[in-house]
Amino acid sequence: MSNQHFINFTNHPSDRWEEEQRKAALEYGEIIDLPFPNVSPQGDEQYIDRMAGECVSQILQFHPAAVLCQGEFCLAYQVICRLREKGIQVVAACSERIAREVGQKKETVFAFVQFRGYGR
C-alpha cells in the first residue's frame, strides 16, 4: 500500500467519479475523500480564516501528495494558498461540458479531461 495520498477536498465523492478521473487521482496515491464544508454566507473574513486553518490542519494529517480543492470560492482560495505555501500540490478537475438534445430536453454531461495545478 502506498504512503502517498490524493485528498479529494470537494463535495463530489470519488466513488461517483468516472474511471478516467479515478485513474488520474490514483497516480498520486490512495484517494481519501474529505468533504468540503458548508460555508455560511454571513461569515466574514475572520470566519473564513479560521475555517481555512481547520481545513488545512485536517488535510495535512494525511501527508498528501496532492489535493483536489474545489468548493466555496473564498474558503477554497485560502486553503489552496496555505497548502501551496507548505509545498503541497493543489489541483482542480478539468472537464469538458457536452450538451445534447434528448427529445425536448437538453442533457449536459461533464467528461473528465485532466487535473490542472493552481498556478506556480
PDB file of N, CA and C in Angstrom:
ATOM      1  N   MET A   1       0.841  -1.195   0.000  1.00  0.00           N
ATOM      2  CA  MET A   1       0.000   0.000   0.000  1.00  0.00           C
ATOM      3  C   MET A   1       0.879   1.248   0.000  1.00  0.00           C
ATOM      4  N   SER A   2       0.495   2.212  -0.789  1.00  0.00           N
ATOM      5  CA  SER A   2       1.259   3.440  -0.942  1.00  0.00           C
ATOM      6  C   SER A   2       1.111   4.326   0.292  1.00  0.00           C
ATOM      7  N   ASN A   3       2.188   5.065   0.615  1.00  0.00           N
ATOM      8  CA  ASN A   3       2.122   6.048   1.691  1.00  0.00           C
ATOM      9  C   ASN A   3       1.635   7.390   1.168  1.00  0.00           C
ATOM     10  N   GLN A   4       1.504   7.487  -0.142  1.00  0.00           N
ATOM     11  CA  GLN A   4       1.071   8.728  -0.768  1.00  0.00           C
ATOM     12  C   GLN A   4      -0.459   8.798  -0.774  1.00  0.00           C
ATOM     13  N   HIS A   5      -0.978  10.022  -0.631  1.00  0.00           N
ATOM     14  CA  HIS A   5      -2.426  10.211  -0.626  1.00  0.00           C
ATOM     15  C   HIS A   5      -2.832  11.336  -1.563  1.00  0.00           C
ATOM     16  N   PHE A   6      -3.959  11.136  -2.217  1.00  0.00           N
ATOM     17  CA  PHE A   6      -4.607  12.153  -3.032  1.00  0.00           C
ATOM     18  C   PHE A   6      -5.873  12.530  -2.274  1.00  0.00           C
ATOM     19  N   ILE A   7      -5.929  13.756  -1.782  1.00  0.00           N
ATOM     20  CA  ILE A   7      -7.082  14.203  -0.997  1.00  0.00           C
ATOM     21  C   ILE A   7      -8.109  14.833  -1.922  1.00  0.00           C
ATOM     22  N   ASN A   8      -9.308  14.287  -1.897  1.00  0.00           N
ATOM     23  CA  ASN A   8     -10.439  14.822  -2.641  1.00  0.00           C
ATOM     24  C   ASN A   8     -11.207  15.739  -1.694  1.00  0.00           C
ATOM     25  N   PHE A   9     -10.859  17.030  -1.710  1.00  0.00           N
ATOM     26  CA  PHE A   9     -11.481  18.019  -0.820  1.00  0.00           C
ATOM     27  C   PHE A   9     -12.543  18.768  -1.626  1.00  0.00           C
ATOM     28  N   THR A  10     -13.635  18.054  -1.903  1.00  0.00           N
ATOM     29  CA  THR A  10     -14.756  18.577  -2.682  1.00  0.00           C
ATOM     30  C   THR A  10     -16.037  17.990  -2.099  1.00  0.00           C
ATOM     31  N   ASN A  11     -17.151  18.265  -2.736  1.00  0.00           N
ATOM     32  CA  ASN A  11     -18.418  17.628  -2.372  1.00  0.00           C
ATOM     33  C   ASN A  11     -18.834  16.612  -3.417  1.00  0.00           C
ATOM     34  N   HIS A  12     -17.844  16.037  -4.101  1.00  0.00           N
ATOM     35  CA  HIS A  12     -18.097  15.035  -5.136  1.00  0.00           C
ATOM     36  C   HIS A  12     -17.330  13.772  -4.757  1.00  0.00           C
ATOM     37  N   PRO A  13     -17.975  12.846  -4.046  1.00  0.00           N
ATOM     38  CA  PRO A  13     -17.284  11.631  -3.592  1.00  0.00           C
ATOM     39  C   PRO A  13     -16.626  10.877  -4.737  1.00  0.00           C
ATOM     40  N   SER A  14     -15.423  10.390  -4.475  1.00  0.00           N
ATOM     41  CA  SER A  14     -14.649   9.736  -5.524  1.00  0.00           C
ATOM     42  C   SER A  14     -15.298   8.450  -6.021  1.00  0.00           C
ATOM     43  N   ASP A  15     -16.150   7.824  -5.229  1.00  0.00           N
ATOM     44  CA  ASP A  15     -16.800   6.599  -5.704  1.00  0.00           C
ATOM     45  C   ASP A  15     -17.835   6.873  -6.799  1.00  0.00           C
ATOM     46  N   ARG A  16     -18.108   8.149  -7.048  1.00  0.00           N
ATOM     47  CA  ARG A  16     -19.022   8.529  -8.132  1.00  0.00           C
ATOM     48  C   ARG A  16     -18.291   9.073  -9.357  1.00  0.00           C
ATOM     49  N   TRP A  17     -16.963   9.142  -9.290  1.00  0.00           N
ATOM     50  CA  TRP A  17     -16.173   9.631 -10.415  1.00  0.00           C
ATOM     51  C   TRP A  17     -16.164   8.598 -11.530  1.00  0.00           C
ATOM     52  N   GLU A  18     -15.940   9.088 -12.748  1.00  0.00           N
ATOM     53  CA  GLU A  18     -15.742   8.161 -13.850  1.00  0.00           C
ATOM     54  C   GLU A  18     -14.342   7.551 -13.719  1.00  0.00           C
ATOM     55  N   GLU A  19     -14.145   6.436 -14.392  1.00  0.00           N
ATOM     56  CA  GLU A  19     -12.911   5.666 -14.260  1.00  0.00           C
ATOM     57  C   GLU A  19     -11.659   6.476 -14.589  1.00  0.00           C
ATOM     58  N   GLU A  20     -11.717   7.328 -15.620  1.00  0.00           N
ATOM     59  CA  GLU A  20     -10.538   8.115 -16.012  1.00  0.00           C
ATOM     60  C   GLU A  20     -10.090   9.047 -14.892  1.00  0.00           C
ATOM     61  N   GLN A  21     -11.036   9.641 -14.186  1.00  0.00           N
ATOM     62  CA  GLN A  21     -10.679  10.544 -13.100  1.00  0.00           C
ATOM     63  C   GLN A  21     -10.074   9.761 -11.937  1.00  0.00           C
ATOM     64  N   ARG A  22     -10.634   8.612 -11.633  1.00  0.00           N
ATOM     65  CA  ARG A  22     -10.079   7.780 -10.558  1.00  0.00           C
ATOM     66  C   ARG A  22      -8.646   7.358 -10.893  1.00  0.00           C
ATOM     67  N   LYS A  23      -8.410   6.941 -12.134  1.00  0.00           N
ATOM     68  CA  LYS A  23      -7.058   6.535 -12.543  1.00  0.00           C
ATOM     69  C   LYS A  23      -6.077   7.688 -12.394  1.00  0.00           C
ATOM     70  N   ALA A  24      -6.481   8.868 -12.821  1.00  0.00           N
ATOM     71  CA  ALA A  24      -5.597  10.038 -12.731  1.00  0.00           C
ATOM     72  C   ALA A  24      -5.278  10.368 -11.276  1.00  0.00           C
ATOM     73  N   ALA A  25      -6.256  10.267 -10.398  1.00  0.00           N
ATOM     74  CA  ALA A  25      -6.032  10.548  -8.978  1.00  0.00           C
ATOM     75  C   ALA A  25      -5.124   9.502  -8.344  1.00  0.00           C
ATOM     76  N   LEU A  26      -5.327   8.246  -8.707  1.00  0.00           N
ATOM     77  CA  LEU A  26      -4.528   7.161  -8.125  1.00  0.00           C
ATOM     78  C   LEU A  26      -3.049   7.246  -8.502  1.00  0.00           C
ATOM     79  N   GLU A  27      -2.730   7.990  -9.549  1.00  0.00           N
ATOM     80  CA  GLU A  27      -1.322   8.207  -9.885  1.00  0.00           C
ATOM     81  C   GLU A  27      -0.595   8.960  -8.772  1.00  0.00           C
ATOM     82  N   TYR A  28      -1.342   9.738  -7.978  1.00  0.00           N
ATOM     83  CA  TYR A  28      -0.759  10.481  -6.856  1.00  0.00           C
ATOM     84  C   TYR A  28      -0.719   9.632  -5.583  1.00  0.00           C
ATOM     85  N   GLY A  29      -1.597   8.645  -5.482  1.00  0.00           N
ATOM     86  CA  GLY A  29      -1.677   7.806  -4.290  1.00  0.00           C
ATOM     87  C   GLY A  29      -3.111   7.434  -3.979  1.00  0.00           C
ATOM     88  N   GLU A  30      -3.287   6.844  -2.816  1.00  0.00           N
ATOM     89  CA  GLU A  30      -4.611   6.415  -2.361  1.00  0.00           C
ATOM     90  C   GLU A  30      -5.546   7.628  -2.258  1.00  0.00           C
ATOM     91  N   ILE A  31      -6.769   7.489  -2.731  1.00  0.00           N
ATOM     92  CA  ILE A  31      -7.746   8.587  -2.693  1.00  0.00           C
ATOM     93  C   ILE A  31      -8.440   8.607  -1.337  1.00  0.00           C
ATOM     94  N   ILE A  32      -8.432   9.770  -0.717  1.00  0.00           N
ATOM     95  CA  ILE A  32      -9.140   9.972   0.544  1.00  0.00           C
ATOM     96  C   ILE A  32     -10.130  11.119   0.328  1.00  0.00           C
ATOM     97  N   ASP A  33     -11.403  10.851   0.587  1.00  0.00           N
ATOM     98  CA  ASP A  33     -12.449  11.865   0.463  1.00  0.00           C
ATOM     99  C   ASP A  33     -12.584  12.637   1.771  1.00  0.00           C
ATOM    100  N   LEU A  34     -12.413  13.951   1.708  1.00  0.00           N
ATOM    101  CA  LEU A  34     -12.690  14.850   2.828  1.00  0.00           C
ATOM    102  C   LEU A  34     -13.707  15.858   2.313  1.00  0.00           C
ATOM    103  N   PRO A  35     -14.950  15.801   2.777  1.00  0.00           N
ATOM    104  CA  PRO A  35     -15.975  16.696   2.255  1.00  0.00           C
ATOM    105  C   PRO A  35     -15.647  18.169   2.495  1.00  0.00           C
ATOM    106  N   PHE A  36     -15.840  18.964   1.460  1.00  0.00           N
ATOM    107  CA  PHE A  36     -15.673  20.415   1.587  1.00  0.00           C
ATOM    108  C   PHE A  36     -16.817  20.911   2.479  1.00  0.00           C
ATOM    109  N   PRO A  37     -16.517  21.709   3.503  1.00  0.00           N
ATOM    110  CA  PRO A  37     -17.570  22.105   4.447  1.00  0.00           C
ATOM    111  C   PRO A  37     -18.540  23.130   3.877  1.00  0.00           C
ATOM    112  N   ASN A  38     -19.708  23.176   4.501  1.00  0.00           N
ATOM    113  CA  ASN A  38     -20.654  24.243   4.196  1.00  0.00           C
ATOM    114  C   ASN A  38     -20.087  25.542   4.749  1.00  0.00           C
ATOM    115  N   VAL A  39     -20.235  26.612   3.996  1.00  0.00           N
ATOM    116  CA  VAL A  39     -19.708  27.914   4.394  1.00  0.00           C
ATOM    117  C   VAL A  39     -20.881  28.878   4.506  1.00  0.00           C
ATOM    118  N   SER A  40     -21.027  29.473   5.673  1.00  0.00           N
ATOM    119  CA  SER A  40     -22.118  30.415   5.889  1.00  0.00           C
ATOM    120  C   SER A  40     -21.910  31.676   5.052  1.00  0.00           C
ATOM    121  N   PRO A  41     -22.932  32.109   4.331  1.00  0.00           N
ATOM    122  CA  PRO A  41     -22.798  33.353   3.571  1.00  0.00           C
ATOM    123  C   PRO A  41     -22.691  34.579   4.482  1.00  0.00           C
ATOM    124  N   GLN A  42     -23.046  34.435   5.760  1.00  0.00           N
ATOM    125  CA  GLN A  42     -22.922  35.553   6.711  1.00  0.00           C
ATOM    126  C   GLN A  42     -21.521  35.660   7.297  1.00  0.00           C
ATOM    127  N   GLY A  43     -20.674  34.668   7.068  1.00  0.00           N
ATOM    128  CA  GLY A  43     -19.331  34.673   7.646  1.00  0.00           C
ATOM    129  C   GLY A  43     -18.458  35.764   7.046  1.00  0.00           C
ATOM    130  N   ASP A  44     -17.628  36.367   7.893  1.00  0.00           N
ATOM    131  CA  ASP A  44     -16.712  37.411   7.428  1.00  0.00           C
ATOM    132  C   ASP A  44     -15.335  36.803   7.130  1.00  0.00           C
ATOM    133  N   GLU A  45     -14.356  37.662   6.869  1.00  0.00           N
ATOM    134  CA  GLU A  45     -13.023  37.189   6.520  1.00  0.00           C
ATOM    135  C   GLU A  45     -12.367  36.402   7.663  1.00  0.00           C
ATOM    136  N   GLN A  46     -12.624  36.821   8.913  1.00  0.00           N
ATOM    137  CA  GLN A  46     -12.051  36.101  10.046  1.00  0.00           C
ATOM    138  C   GLN A  46     -12.658  34.699  10.150  1.00  0.00           C
ATOM    139  N   TYR A  47     -13.921  34.578   9.860  1.00  0.00           N
ATOM    140  CA  TYR A  47     -14.596  33.274   9.843  1.00  0.00           C
ATOM    141  C   TYR A  47     -13.945  32.357   8.803  1.00  0.00           C
ATOM    142  N   ILE A  48     -13.706  32.892   7.601  1.00  0.00           N
ATOM    143  CA  ILE A  48     -13.058  32.114   6.537  1.00  0.00           C
ATOM    144  C   ILE A  48     -11.636  31.754   6.954  1.00  0.00           C
ATOM    145  N   ASP A  49     -10.935  32.676   7.569  1.00  0.00           N
ATOM    146  CA  ASP A  49      -9.567  32.433   8.027  1.00  0.00           C
ATOM    147  C   ASP A  49      -9.524  31.273   9.022  1.00  0.00           C
ATOM    148  N   ARG A  50     -10.443  31.268   9.991  1.00  0.00           N
ATOM    149  CA  ARG A  50     -10.497  30.175  10.977  1.00  0.00           C
ATOM    150  C   ARG A  50     -10.825  28.850  10.303  1.00  0.00           C
ATOM    151  N   MET A  51     -11.830  28.873   9.412  1.00  0.00           N
ATOM    152  CA  MET A  51     -12.207  27.642   8.711  1.00  0.00           C
ATOM    153  C   MET A  51     -11.040  27.101   7.886  1.00  0.00           C
ATOM    154  N   ALA A  52     -10.341  27.993   7.197  1.00  0.00           N
ATOM    155  CA  ALA A  52      -9.212  27.568   6.362  1.00  0.00           C
ATOM    156  C   ALA A  52      -8.147  26.899   7.216  1.00  0.00           C
ATOM    157  N   GLY A  53      -7.858  27.469   8.365  1.00  0.00           N
ATOM    158  CA  GLY A  53      -6.872  26.873   9.264  1.00  0.00           C
ATOM    159  C   GLY A  53      -7.274  25.475   9.697  1.00  0.00           C
ATOM    160  N   GLU A  54      -8.541  25.304  10.042  1.00  0.00           N
ATOM    161  CA  GLU A  54      -9.041  23.992  10.465  1.00  0.00           C
ATOM    162  C   GLU A  54      -8.976  22.989   9.310  1.00  0.00           C
ATOM    163  N   CYS A  55      -9.376  23.422   8.124  1.00  0.00           N
ATOM    164  CA  CYS A  55      -9.371  22.532   6.959  1.00  0.00           C
ATOM    165  C   CYS A  55      -7.957  22.093   6.605  1.00  0.00           C
ATOM    166  N   VAL A  56      -7.038  23.028   6.585  1.00  0.00           N
ATOM    167  CA  VAL A  56      -5.650  22.713   6.235  1.00  0.00           C
ATOM    168  C   VAL A  56      -5.049  21.760   7.265  1.00  0.00           C
ATOM    169  N   SER A  57      -5.323  21.987   8.542  1.00  0.00           N
ATOM    170  CA  SER A  57      -4.823  21.079   9.584  1.00  0.00           C
ATOM    171  C   SER A  57      -5.343  19.667   9.361  1.00  0.00           C
ATOM    172  N   GLN A  58      -6.610  19.545   9.032  1.00  0.00           N
ATOM    173  CA  GLN A  58      -7.203  18.229   8.779  1.00  0.00           C
ATOM    174  C   GLN A  58      -6.551  17.566   7.563  1.00  0.00           C
ATOM    175  N   ILE A  59      -6.380  18.320   6.486  1.00  0.00           N
ATOM    176  CA  ILE A  59      -5.779  17.782   5.262  1.00  0.00           C
ATOM    177  C   ILE A  59      -4.340  17.334   5.501  1.00  0.00           C
ATOM    178  N   LEU A  60      -3.573  18.144   6.213  1.00  0.00           N
ATOM    179  CA  LEU A  60      -2.151  17.843   6.426  1.00  0.00           C
ATOM    180  C   LEU A  60      -1.927  16.584   7.249  1.00  0.00           C
ATOM    181  N   GLN A  61      -2.908  16.162   8.015  1.00  0.00           N
ATOM    182  CA  GLN A  61      -2.781  14.925   8.795  1.00  0.00           C
ATOM    183  C   GLN A  61      -2.542  13.713   7.897  1.00  0.00           C
ATOM    184  N   PHE A  62      -2.955  13.811   6.619  1.00  0.00           N
ATOM    185  CA  PHE A  62      -2.815  12.704   5.683  1.00  0.00           C
ATOM    186  C   PHE A  62      -1.541  12.772   4.857  1.00  0.00           C
ATOM    187  N   HIS A  63      -0.700  13.792   5.077  1.00  0.00           N
ATOM    188  CA  HIS A  63       0.555  13.952   4.335  1.00  0.00           C
ATOM    189  C   HIS A  63       0.308  13.774   2.831  1.00  0.00           C
ATOM    190  N   PRO A  64      -0.519  14.636   2.239  1.00  0.00           N
ATOM    191  CA  PRO A  64      -0.926  14.432   0.839  1.00  0.00           C
ATOM    192  C   PRO A  64       0.179  14.686  -0.171  1.00  0.00           C
ATOM    193  N   ALA A  65       0.123  13.888  -1.252  1.00  0.00           N
ATOM    194  CA  ALA A  65       0.966  14.155  -2.415  1.00  0.00           C
ATOM    195  C   ALA A  65       0.304  15.240  -3.251  1.00  0.00           C
ATOM    196  N   ALA A  66      -1.035  15.260  -3.241  1.00  0.00           N
ATOM    197  CA  ALA A  66      -1.799  16.264  -3.983  1.00  0.00           C
ATOM    198  C   ALA A  66      -3.184  16.388  -3.356  1.00  0.00           C
ATOM    199  N   VAL A  67      -3.787  17.562  -3.566  1.00  0.00           N
ATOM    200  CA  VAL A  67      -5.128  17.836  -3.046  1.00  0.00           C
ATOM    201  C   VAL A  67      -5.976  18.408  -4.164  1.00  0.00           C
ATOM    202  N   LEU A  68      -7.126  17.788  -4.401  1.00  0.00           N
ATOM    203  CA  LEU A  68      -8.140  18.346  -5.294  1.00  0.00           C
ATOM    204  C   LEU A  68      -9.006  19.237  -4.422  1.00  0.00           C
ATOM    205  N   CYS A  69      -8.971  20.554  -4.661  1.00  0.00           N
ATOM    206  CA  CYS A  69      -9.705  21.510  -3.829  1.00  0.00           C
ATOM    207  C   CYS A  69     -10.661  22.307  -4.700  1.00  0.00           C
ATOM    208  N   GLN A  70     -11.954  22.053  -4.501  1.00  0.00           N
ATOM    209  CA  GLN A  70     -12.989  22.795  -5.214  1.00  0.00           C
ATOM    210  C   GLN A  70     -14.184  22.943  -4.289  1.00  0.00           C
ATOM    211  N   GLY A  71     -14.632  24.184  -4.128  1.00  0.00           N
ATOM    212  CA  GLY A  71     -15.762  24.466  -3.253  1.00  0.00           C
ATOM    213  C   GLY A  71     -16.001  25.965  -3.219  1.00  0.00           C
ATOM    214  N   GLU A  72     -16.620  26.438  -2.152  1.00  0.00           N
ATOM    215  CA  GLU A  72     -16.917  27.865  -1.995  1.00  0.00           C
ATOM    216  C   GLU A  72     -15.628  28.655  -2.218  1.00  0.00           C
ATOM    217  N   PHE A  73     -15.711  29.669  -3.051  1.00  0.00           N
ATOM    218  CA  PHE A  73     -14.519  30.333  -3.571  1.00  0.00           C
ATOM    219  C   PHE A  73     -13.591  30.934  -2.516  1.00  0.00           C
ATOM    220  N   CYS A  74     -14.123  31.663  -1.549  1.00  0.00           N
ATOM    221  CA  CYS A  74     -13.244  32.322  -0.571  1.00  0.00           C
ATOM    222  C   CYS A  74     -12.501  31.308   0.286  1.00  0.00           C
ATOM    223  N   LEU A  75     -13.202  30.277   0.743  1.00  0.00           N
ATOM    224  CA  LEU A  75     -12.544  29.249   1.545  1.00  0.00           C
ATOM    225  C   LEU A  75     -11.566  28.444   0.692  1.00  0.00           C
ATOM    226  N   ALA A  76     -11.982  28.074  -0.506  1.00  0.00           N
ATOM    227  CA  ALA A  76     -11.091  27.310  -1.382  1.00  0.00           C
ATOM    228  C   ALA A  76      -9.803  28.094  -1.638  1.00  0.00           C
ATOM    229  N   TYR A  77      -9.923  29.385  -1.907  1.00  0.00           N
ATOM    230  CA  TYR A  77      -8.743  30.213  -2.168  1.00  0.00           C
ATOM    231  C   TYR A  77      -7.778  30.182  -0.987  1.00  0.00           C
ATOM    232  N   GLN A  78      -8.310  30.364   0.225  1.00  0.00           N
ATOM    233  CA  GLN A  78      -7.450  30.357   1.415  1.00  0.00           C
ATOM    234  C   GLN A  78      -6.791  28.994   1.624  1.00  0.00           C
ATOM    235  N   VAL A  79      -7.543  27.924   1.432  1.00  0.00           N
ATOM    236  CA  VAL A  79      -6.992  26.576   1.596  1.00  0.00           C
ATOM    237  C   VAL A  79      -5.907  26.328   0.554  1.00  0.00           C
ATOM    238  N   ILE A  80      -6.183  26.685  -0.691  1.00  0.00           N
ATOM    239  CA  ILE A  80      -5.213  26.498  -1.766  1.00  0.00           C
ATOM    240  C   ILE A  80      -3.916  27.250  -1.461  1.00  0.00           C
ATOM    241  N   CYS A  81      -4.035  28.506  -1.078  1.00  0.00           N
ATOM    242  CA  CYS A  81      -2.842  29.316  -0.778  1.00  0.00           C
ATOM    243  C   CYS A  81      -2.030  28.708   0.356  1.00  0.00           C
ATOM    244  N   ARG A  82      -2.691  28.291   1.413  1.00  0.00           N
ATOM    245  CA  ARG A  82      -1.980  27.750   2.574  1.00  0.00           C
ATOM    246  C   ARG A  82      -1.303  26.417   2.258  1.00  0.00           C
ATOM    247  N   LEU A  83      -1.998  25.576   1.495  1.00  0.00           N
ATOM    248  CA  LEU A  83      -1.387  24.298   1.125  1.00  0.00           C
ATOM    249  C   LEU A  83      -0.174  24.512   0.224  1.00  0.00           C
ATOM    250  N   ARG A  84      -0.303  25.415  -0.727  1.00  0.00           N
ATOM    251  CA  ARG A  84       0.819  25.692  -1.636  1.00  0.00           C
ATOM    252  C   ARG A  84       2.008  26.264  -0.877  1.00  0.00           C
ATOM    253  N   GLU A  85       1.746  27.102   0.139  1.00  0.00           N
ATOM    254  CA  GLU A  85       2.836  27.647   0.961  1.00  0.00           C
ATOM    255  C   GLU A  85       3.613  26.536   1.662  1.00  0.00           C
ATOM    256  N   LYS A  86       2.939  25.416   1.903  1.00  0.00           N
ATOM    257  CA  LYS A  86       3.574  24.269   2.561  1.00  0.00           C
ATOM    258  C   LYS A  86       4.151  23.279   1.555  1.00  0.00           C
ATOM    259  N   GLY A  87       4.124  23.660   0.267  1.00  0.00           N
ATOM    260  CA  GLY A  87       4.714  22.819  -0.761  1.00  0.00           C
ATOM    261  C   GLY A  87       3.826  21.683  -1.241  1.00  0.00           C
ATOM    262  N   ILE A  88       2.544  21.737  -0.926  1.00  0.00           N
ATOM    263  CA  ILE A  88       1.600  20.699  -1.345  1.00  0.00           C
ATOM    264  C   ILE A  88       1.044  21.056  -2.717  1.00  0.00           C
ATOM    265  N   GLN A  89       1.025  20.106  -3.627  1.00  0.00           N
ATOM    266  CA  GLN A  89       0.438  20.327  -4.948  1.00  0.00           C
ATOM    267  C   GLN A  89      -1.087  20.340  -4.817  1.00  0.00           C
ATOM    268  N   VAL A  90      -1.707  21.387  -5.357  1.00  0.00           N
ATOM    269  CA  VAL A  90      -3.165  21.524  -5.309  1.00  0.00           C
ATOM    270  C   VAL A  90      -3.671  21.610  -6.743  1.00  0.00           C
ATOM    271  N   VAL A  91      -4.726  20.838  -7.033  1.00  0.00           N
ATOM    272  CA  VAL A  91      -5.232  20.739  -8.394  1.00  0.00           C
ATOM    273  C   VAL A  91      -6.737  20.975  -8.451  1.00  0.00           C
ATOM    274  N   ALA A  92      -7.198  21.250  -9.677  1.00  0.00           N
ATOM    275  CA  ALA A  92      -8.628  21.333  -9.991  1.00  0.00           C
ATOM    276  C   ALA A  92      -8.924  20.271 -11.032  1.00  0.00           C
ATOM    277  N   ALA A  93     -10.136  19.770 -11.021  1.00  0.00           N
ATOM    278  CA  ALA A  93     -10.568  18.811 -12.035  1.00  0.00           C
ATOM    279  C   ALA A  93     -11.078  19.586 -13.245  1.00  0.00           C
ATOM    280  N   CYS A  94     -10.526  19.292 -14.402  1.00  0.00           N
ATOM    281  CA  CYS A  94     -10.932  19.956 -15.641  1.00  0.00           C
ATOM    282  C   CYS A  94     -11.781  18.986 -16.457  1.00  0.00           C
ATOM    283  N   SER A  95     -12.952  19.437 -16.837  1.00  0.00           N
ATOM    284  CA  SER A  95     -13.890  18.598 -17.583  1.00  0.00           C
ATOM    285  C   SER A  95     -14.374  19.313 -18.820  1.00  0.00           C
ATOM    286  N   GLU A  96     -14.768  18.520 -19.793  1.00  0.00           N
ATOM    287  CA  GLU A  96     -15.381  19.063 -20.996  1.00  0.00           C
ATOM    288  C   GLU A  96     -16.889  18.962 -20.833  1.00  0.00           C
ATOM    289  N   ARG A  97     -17.574  20.072 -21.081  1.00  0.00           N
ATOM    290  CA  ARG A  97     -19.039  20.105 -20.988  1.00  0.00           C
ATOM    291  C   ARG A  97     -19.600  19.665 -22.329  1.00  0.00           C
ATOM    292  N   ILE A  98     -20.409  18.615 -22.296  1.00  0.00           N
ATOM    293  CA  ILE A  98     -21.016  18.092 -23.516  1.00  0.00           C
ATOM    294  C   ILE A  98     -22.528  18.204 -23.368  1.00  0.00           C
ATOM    295  N   ALA A  99     -23.140  19.027 -24.230  1.00  0.00           N
ATOM    296  CA  ALA A  99     -24.592  19.212 -24.199  1.00  0.00           C
ATOM    297  C   ALA A  99     -25.203  18.560 -25.431  1.00  0.00           C
ATOM    298  N   ARG A 100     -26.315  17.890 -25.214  1.00  0.00           N
ATOM    299  CA  ARG A 100     -27.008  17.268 -26.341  1.00  0.00           C
ATOM    300  C   ARG A 100     -28.506  17.331 -26.117  1.00  0.00           C
ATOM    301  N   GLU A 101     -29.218  17.351 -27.228  1.00  0.00           N
ATOM    302  CA  GLU A 101     -30.679  17.359 -27.190  1.00  0.00           C
ATOM    303  C   GLU A 101     -31.174  15.925 -27.055  1.00  0.00           C
ATOM    304  N   VAL A 102     -32.054  15.696 -26.092  1.00  0.00           N
ATOM    305  CA  VAL A 102     -32.679  14.389 -25.900  1.00  0.00           C
ATOM    306  C   VAL A 102     -34.183  14.643 -25.889  1.00  0.00           C
ATOM    307  N   GLY A 103     -34.805  14.429 -27.061  1.00  0.00           N
ATOM    308  CA  GLY A 103     -36.228  14.776 -27.167  1.00  0.00           C
ATOM    309  C   GLY A 103     -36.399  16.273 -27.034  1.00  0.00           C
ATOM    310  N   GLN A 104     -37.234  16.680 -26.098  1.00  0.00           N
ATOM    311  CA  GLN A 104     -37.493  18.102 -25.848  1.00  0.00           C
ATOM    312  C   GLN A 104     -36.591  18.687 -24.753  1.00  0.00           C
ATOM    313  N   LYS A 105     -35.690  17.862 -24.235  1.00  0.00           N
ATOM    314  CA  LYS A 105     -34.826  18.304 -23.136  1.00  0.00           C
ATOM    315  C   LYS A 105     -33.375  18.393 -23.585  1.00  0.00           C
ATOM    316  N   LYS A 106     -32.644  19.255 -22.904  1.00  0.00           N
ATOM    317  CA  LYS A 106     -31.204  19.361 -23.123  1.00  0.00           C
ATOM    318  C   LYS A 106     -30.515  18.641 -21.964  1.00  0.00           C
ATOM    319  N   GLU A 107     -29.610  17.751 -22.302  1.00  0.00           N
ATOM    320  CA  GLU A 107     -28.870  16.979 -21.314  1.00  0.00           C
ATOM    321  C   GLU A 107     -27.412  17.423 -21.344  1.00  0.00           C
ATOM    322  N   THR A 108     -26.850  17.659 -20.164  1.00  0.00           N
ATOM    323  CA  THR A 108     -25.460  18.075 -20.071  1.00  0.00           C
ATOM    324  C   THR A 108     -24.670  17.006 -19.324  1.00  0.00           C
ATOM    325  N   VAL A 109     -23.538  16.632 -19.897  1.00  0.00           N
ATOM    326  CA  VAL A 109     -22.640  15.658 -19.295  1.00  0.00           C
ATOM    327  C   VAL A 109     -21.266  16.309 -19.202  1.00  0.00           C
ATOM    328  N   PHE A 110     -20.571  16.045 -18.110  1.00  0.00           N
ATOM    329  CA  PHE A 110     -19.216  16.554 -17.944  1.00  0.00           C
ATOM    330  C   PHE A 110     -18.247  15.387 -18.017  1.00  0.00           C
ATOM    331  N   ALA A 111     -17.338  15.431 -18.977  1.00  0.00           N
ATOM    332  CA  ALA A 111     -16.366  14.365 -19.177  1.00  0.00           C
ATOM    333  C   ALA A 111     -14.999  14.830 -18.653  1.00  0.00           C
ATOM    334  N   PHE A 112     -14.459  14.112 -17.677  1.00  0.00           N
ATOM    335  CA  PHE A 112     -13.159  14.447 -17.098  1.00  0.00           C
ATOM    336  C   PHE A 112     -12.072  14.429 -18.168  1.00  0.00           C
ATOM    337  N   VAL A 113     -11.194  15.443 -18.122  1.00  0.00           N
ATOM    338  CA  VAL A 113     -10.072  15.521 -19.058  1.00  0.00           C
ATOM    339  C   VAL A 113      -8.732  15.386 -18.324  1.00  0.00           C
ATOM    340  N   GLN A 114      -8.553  16.173 -17.252  1.00  0.00           N
ATOM    341  CA  GLN A 114      -7.277  16.169 -16.541  1.00  0.00           C
ATOM    342  C   GLN A 114      -7.410  16.888 -15.195  1.00  0.00           C
ATOM    343  N   PHE A 115      -6.378  16.718 -14.349  1.00  0.00           N
ATOM    344  CA  PHE A 115      -6.201  17.564 -13.187  1.00  0.00           C
ATOM    345  C   PHE A 115      -5.210  18.644 -13.590  1.00  0.00           C
ATOM    346  N   ARG A 116      -5.522  19.893 -13.231  1.00  0.00           N
ATOM    347  CA  ARG A 116      -4.624  21.012 -13.557  1.00  0.00           C
ATOM    348  C   ARG A 116      -4.260  21.716 -12.258  1.00  0.00           C
ATOM    349  N   GLY A 117      -2.966  21.994 -12.105  1.00  0.00           N
ATOM    350  CA  GLY A 117      -2.479  22.654 -10.904  1.00  0.00           C
ATOM    351  C   GLY A 117      -2.899  24.109 -10.828  1.00  0.00           C
ATOM    352  N   TYR A 118      -2.989  24.613  -9.611  1.00  0.00           N
ATOM    353  CA  TYR A 118      -3.288  26.025  -9.376  1.00  0.00           C
ATOM    354  C   TYR A 118      -1.984  26.812  -9.440  1.00  0.00           C
ATOM    355  N   GLY A 119      -1.678  27.372 -10.583  1.00  0.00           N
ATOM    356  CA  GLY A 119      -0.552  28.270 -10.753  1.00  0.00           C
ATOM    357  C   GLY A 119       0.808  27.705 -10.362  1.00  0.00           C
ATOM    358  N   ARG A 120       1.763  28.603 -10.268  1.00  0.00           N
ATOM    359  CA  ARG A 120       3.139  28.209  -9.942  1.00  0.00           C
ATOM    360  C   ARG A 120       3.501  28.647  -8.566  1.00  0.00           C
TER     361      ARG A 120
END
